[in-house]
Amino acid sequence: SPGATAFSYLVLAHTLRGDAAAAERAARTWRARQPRSPHAARSLAFVLMGEGQDDAARALADEAATRALADDAGRPLLTPTATAELYIGIGRFREADALLAPLVDVGTPAARRTA
């Protein structure tokens, strides 16, 4: 959605400026407006990881990864790569590997890069 894209860029801009507090505020606002969005939870999880708030980040990343697996119609909400990044960030390497391993032998190198 356009709102999600705007929030994503806002969080990124604050992060790149080095303003962790503003990035966290933007990510929390996004999460409050779209509480079921795995994208909002993922964004806040990464901000919290960067701030060393590992327990909170782990809980959000786990929630985002679980929600990312499928929407009500069974469609994935995040790519396998994005979900694997969450798992890696919280130390769940086996789950990340399970998502990424099938991508290794599928399609062209260009397709694998964007998976």
C-alpha atoms as a PDB file:
ATOM      1  CA  SER A   1       0.000   0.000   0.000  1.00  0.00           C
ATOM      2  CA  PRO A   2       1.154   3.598  -0.520  1.00  0.00           C
ATOM      3  CA  GLY A   3       1.103   4.224   3.234  1.00  0.00           C
ATOM      4  CA  ALA A   4       3.328   1.243   3.888  1.00  0.00           C
ATOM      5  CA  THR A   5       5.791   2.387   1.227  1.00  0.00           C
ATOM      6  CA  ALA A   6       5.908   5.878   2.725  1.00  0.00           C
ATOM      7  CA  PHE A   7       6.508   4.527   6.226  1.00  0.00           C
ATOM      8  CA  SER A   8       9.155   2.151   4.931  1.00  0.00           C
ATOM      9  CA  TYR A   9      11.083   5.018   3.364  1.00  0.00           C
ATOM     10  CA  LEU A  10      10.585   7.215   6.422  1.00  0.00           C
ATOM     11  CA  VAL A  11      12.048   4.553   8.719  1.00  0.00           C
ATOM     12  CA  LEU A  12      14.923   4.018   6.287  1.00  0.00           C
ATOM     13  CA  ALA A  13      15.639   7.758   6.008  1.00  0.00           C
ATOM     14  CA  HIS A  14      15.805   8.181   9.788  1.00  0.00           C
ATOM     15  CA  THR A  15      17.981   5.072  10.076  1.00  0.00           C
ATOM     16  CA  LEU A  16      20.408   6.303   7.413  1.00  0.00           C
ATOM     17  CA  ARG A  17      20.589   9.697   9.143  1.00  0.00           C
ATOM     18  CA  GLY A  18      21.563   7.896  12.327  1.00  0.00           C
ATOM     19  CA  ASP A  19      18.456   9.024  14.197  1.00  0.00           C
ATOM     20  CA  ALA A  20      17.427   5.777  15.877  1.00  0.00           C
ATOM     21  CA  ALA A  21      14.791   7.464  18.046  1.00  0.00           C
ATOM     22  CA  ALA A  22      13.024   8.957  15.016  1.00  0.00           C
ATOM     23  CA  ALA A  23      13.273   5.638  13.146  1.00  0.00           C
ATOM     24  CA  GLU A  24      11.717   3.852  16.108  1.00  0.00           C
ATOM     25  CA  ARG A  25       8.913   6.448  16.386  1.00  0.00           C
ATOM     26  CA  ALA A  26       8.126   6.112  12.673  1.00  0.00           C
ATOM     27  CA  ALA A  27       8.182   2.306  12.858  1.00  0.00           C
ATOM     28  CA  ARG A  28       5.958   2.305  15.953  1.00  0.00           C
ATOM     29  CA  THR A  29       3.503   4.700  14.266  1.00  0.00           C
ATOM     30  CA  TRP A  30       3.393   2.448  11.207  1.00  0.00           C
ATOM     31  CA  ARG A  31       2.833  -0.584  13.423  1.00  0.00           C
ATOM     32  CA  ALA A  32       0.036   1.185  15.312  1.00  0.00           C
ATOM     33  CA  ARG A  33      -1.708   2.100  12.057  1.00  0.00           C
ATOM     34  CA  GLN A  34      -1.255  -1.345  10.497  1.00  0.00           C
ATOM     35  CA  PRO A  35      -1.019  -3.758  13.451  1.00  0.00           C
ATOM     36  CA  ARG A  36      -1.453  -6.913  11.312  1.00  0.00           C
ATOM     37  CA  SER A  37       1.199  -5.921   8.778  1.00  0.00           C
ATOM     38  CA  PRO A  38       4.270  -8.174   8.835  1.00  0.00           C
ATOM     39  CA  HIS A  39       6.102  -5.373   7.009  1.00  0.00           C
ATOM     40  CA  ALA A  40       5.492  -2.930   9.864  1.00  0.00           C
ATOM     41  CA  ALA A  41       6.500  -5.525  12.464  1.00  0.00           C
ATOM     42  CA  ARG A  42       9.612  -6.410  10.422  1.00  0.00           C
ATOM     43  CA  SER A  43      10.616  -2.754  10.159  1.00  0.00           C
ATOM     44  CA  LEU A  44      10.230  -2.162  13.887  1.00  0.00           C
ATOM     45  CA  ALA A  45      12.076  -5.404  14.648  1.00  0.00           C
ATOM     46  CA  PHE A  46      15.080  -4.278  12.602  1.00  0.00           C
ATOM     47  CA  VAL A  47      15.090  -0.849  14.264  1.00  0.00           C
ATOM     48  CA  LEU A  48      14.995  -2.482  17.698  1.00  0.00           C
ATOM     49  CA  MET A  49      17.776  -4.912  16.714  1.00  0.00           C
ATOM     50  CA  GLY A  50      19.916  -1.916  15.792  1.00  0.00           C
ATOM     51  CA  GLU A  51      19.220  -0.367  19.188  1.00  0.00           C
ATOM     52  CA  GLY A  52      20.188  -3.550  21.024  1.00  0.00           C
ATOM     53  CA  GLN A  53      16.639  -4.248  22.236  1.00  0.00           C
ATOM     54  CA  ASP A  54      17.058  -7.896  21.398  1.00  0.00           C
ATOM     55  CA  ASP A  55      14.145  -9.405  23.353  1.00  0.00           C
ATOM     56  CA  ALA A  56      11.581  -6.991  21.901  1.00  0.00           C
ATOM     57  CA  ALA A  57      13.101  -7.360  18.435  1.00  0.00           C
ATOM     58  CA  ARG A  58      13.030 -11.146  18.691  1.00  0.00           C
ATOM     59  CA  ALA A  59       9.342 -11.156  19.662  1.00  0.00           C
ATOM     60  CA  LEU A  60       8.398  -8.829  16.794  1.00  0.00           C
ATOM     61  CA  ALA A  61      10.524 -10.694  14.266  1.00  0.00           C
ATOM     62  CA  ASP A  62       8.961 -13.978  15.304  1.00  0.00           C
ATOM     63  CA  GLU A  63       5.480 -12.476  14.960  1.00  0.00           C
ATOM     64  CA  ALA A  64       6.311 -10.946  11.570  1.00  0.00           C
ATOM     65  CA  ALA A  65       7.804 -14.180  10.280  1.00  0.00           C
ATOM     66  CA  THR A  66       4.756 -16.129  11.415  1.00  0.00           C
ATOM     67  CA  ARG A  67       2.359 -13.635   9.818  1.00  0.00           C
ATOM     68  CA  ALA A  68       4.491 -13.467   6.687  1.00  0.00           C
ATOM     69  CA  LEU A  69       3.937 -17.126   5.963  1.00  0.00           C
ATOM     70  CA  ALA A  70       0.439 -16.518   4.579  1.00  0.00           C
ATOM     71  CA  ASP A  71      -2.498 -14.173   4.540  1.00  0.00           C
ATOM     72  CA  ASP A  72      -6.087 -15.328   4.957  1.00  0.00           C
ATOM     73  CA  ALA A  73      -6.061 -16.584   1.354  1.00  0.00           C
ATOM     74  CA  GLY A  74      -2.841 -18.555   1.875  1.00  0.00           C
ATOM     75  CA  ARG A  75      -0.572 -16.153  -0.060  1.00  0.00           C
ATOM     76  CA  PRO A  76       2.844 -15.312   1.427  1.00  0.00           C
ATOM     77  CA  LEU A  77       3.083 -11.726   2.668  1.00  0.00           C
ATOM     78  CA  LEU A  78       6.872 -11.466   2.595  1.00  0.00           C
ATOM     79  CA  THR A  79       9.317 -13.088   0.221  1.00  0.00           C
ATOM     80  CA  PRO A  80      11.195 -16.122   1.551  1.00  0.00           C
ATOM     81  CA  THR A  81      14.339 -13.978   1.574  1.00  0.00           C
ATOM     82  CA  ALA A  82      12.722 -11.245   3.702  1.00  0.00           C
ATOM     83  CA  THR A  83      11.358 -13.814   6.127  1.00  0.00           C
ATOM     84  CA  ALA A  84      14.763 -15.518   6.282  1.00  0.00           C
ATOM     85  CA  GLU A  85      16.369 -12.168   7.149  1.00  0.00           C
ATOM     86  CA  LEU A  86      14.081 -11.962  10.165  1.00  0.00           C
ATOM     87  CA  TYR A  87      15.018 -15.468  11.248  1.00  0.00           C
ATOM     88  CA  ILE A  88      18.726 -14.723  10.835  1.00  0.00           C
ATOM     89  CA  GLY A  89      18.353 -11.517  12.860  1.00  0.00           C
ATOM     90  CA  ILE A  90      16.945 -13.438  15.801  1.00  0.00           C
ATOM     91  CA  GLY A  91      19.289 -16.410  15.521  1.00  0.00           C
ATOM     92  CA  ARG A  92      16.831 -18.921  14.050  1.00  0.00           C
ATOM     93  CA  PHE A  93      19.248 -20.141  11.403  1.00  0.00           C
ATOM     94  CA  ARG A  94      17.610 -23.497  10.713  1.00  0.00           C
ATOM     95  CA  GLU A  95      14.336 -21.822   9.771  1.00  0.00           C
ATOM     96  CA  ALA A  96      16.195 -19.339   7.567  1.00  0.00           C
ATOM     97  CA  ASP A  97      18.086 -22.144   5.869  1.00  0.00           C
ATOM     98  CA  ALA A  98      14.866 -24.070   5.262  1.00  0.00           C
ATOM     99  CA  LEU A  99      13.386 -21.043   3.485  1.00  0.00           C
ATOM    100  CA  LEU A 100      16.494 -20.283   1.428  1.00  0.00           C
ATOM    101  CA  ALA A 101      17.652 -23.787   0.470  1.00  0.00           C
ATOM    102  CA  PRO A 102      14.905 -24.359  -2.130  1.00  0.00           C
ATOM    103  CA  LEU A 103      15.888 -21.101  -3.863  1.00  0.00           C
ATOM    104  CA  VAL A 104      19.440 -22.228  -4.538  1.00  0.00           C
ATOM    105  CA  ASP A 105      18.612 -24.570  -7.410  1.00  0.00           C
ATOM    106  CA  VAL A 106      15.580 -22.782  -8.825  1.00  0.00           C
ATOM    107  CA  GLY A 107      15.488 -20.462 -11.807  1.00  0.00           C
ATOM    108  CA  THR A 108      18.131 -18.134 -13.108  1.00  0.00           C
ATOM    109  CA  PRO A 109      20.711 -16.309 -10.989  1.00  0.00           C
ATOM    110  CA  ALA A 110      18.739 -13.087 -11.538  1.00  0.00           C
ATOM    111  CA  ALA A 111      15.568 -14.744 -10.223  1.00  0.00           C
ATOM    112  CA  ARG A 112      17.402 -16.061  -7.183  1.00  0.00           C
ATOM    113  CA  ARG A 113      18.770 -12.593  -6.358  1.00  0.00           C
ATOM    114  CA  THR A 114      15.273 -11.143  -6.211  1.00  0.00           C
ATOM    115  CA  ALA A 115      13.572 -14.043  -4.447  1.00  0.00           C
END
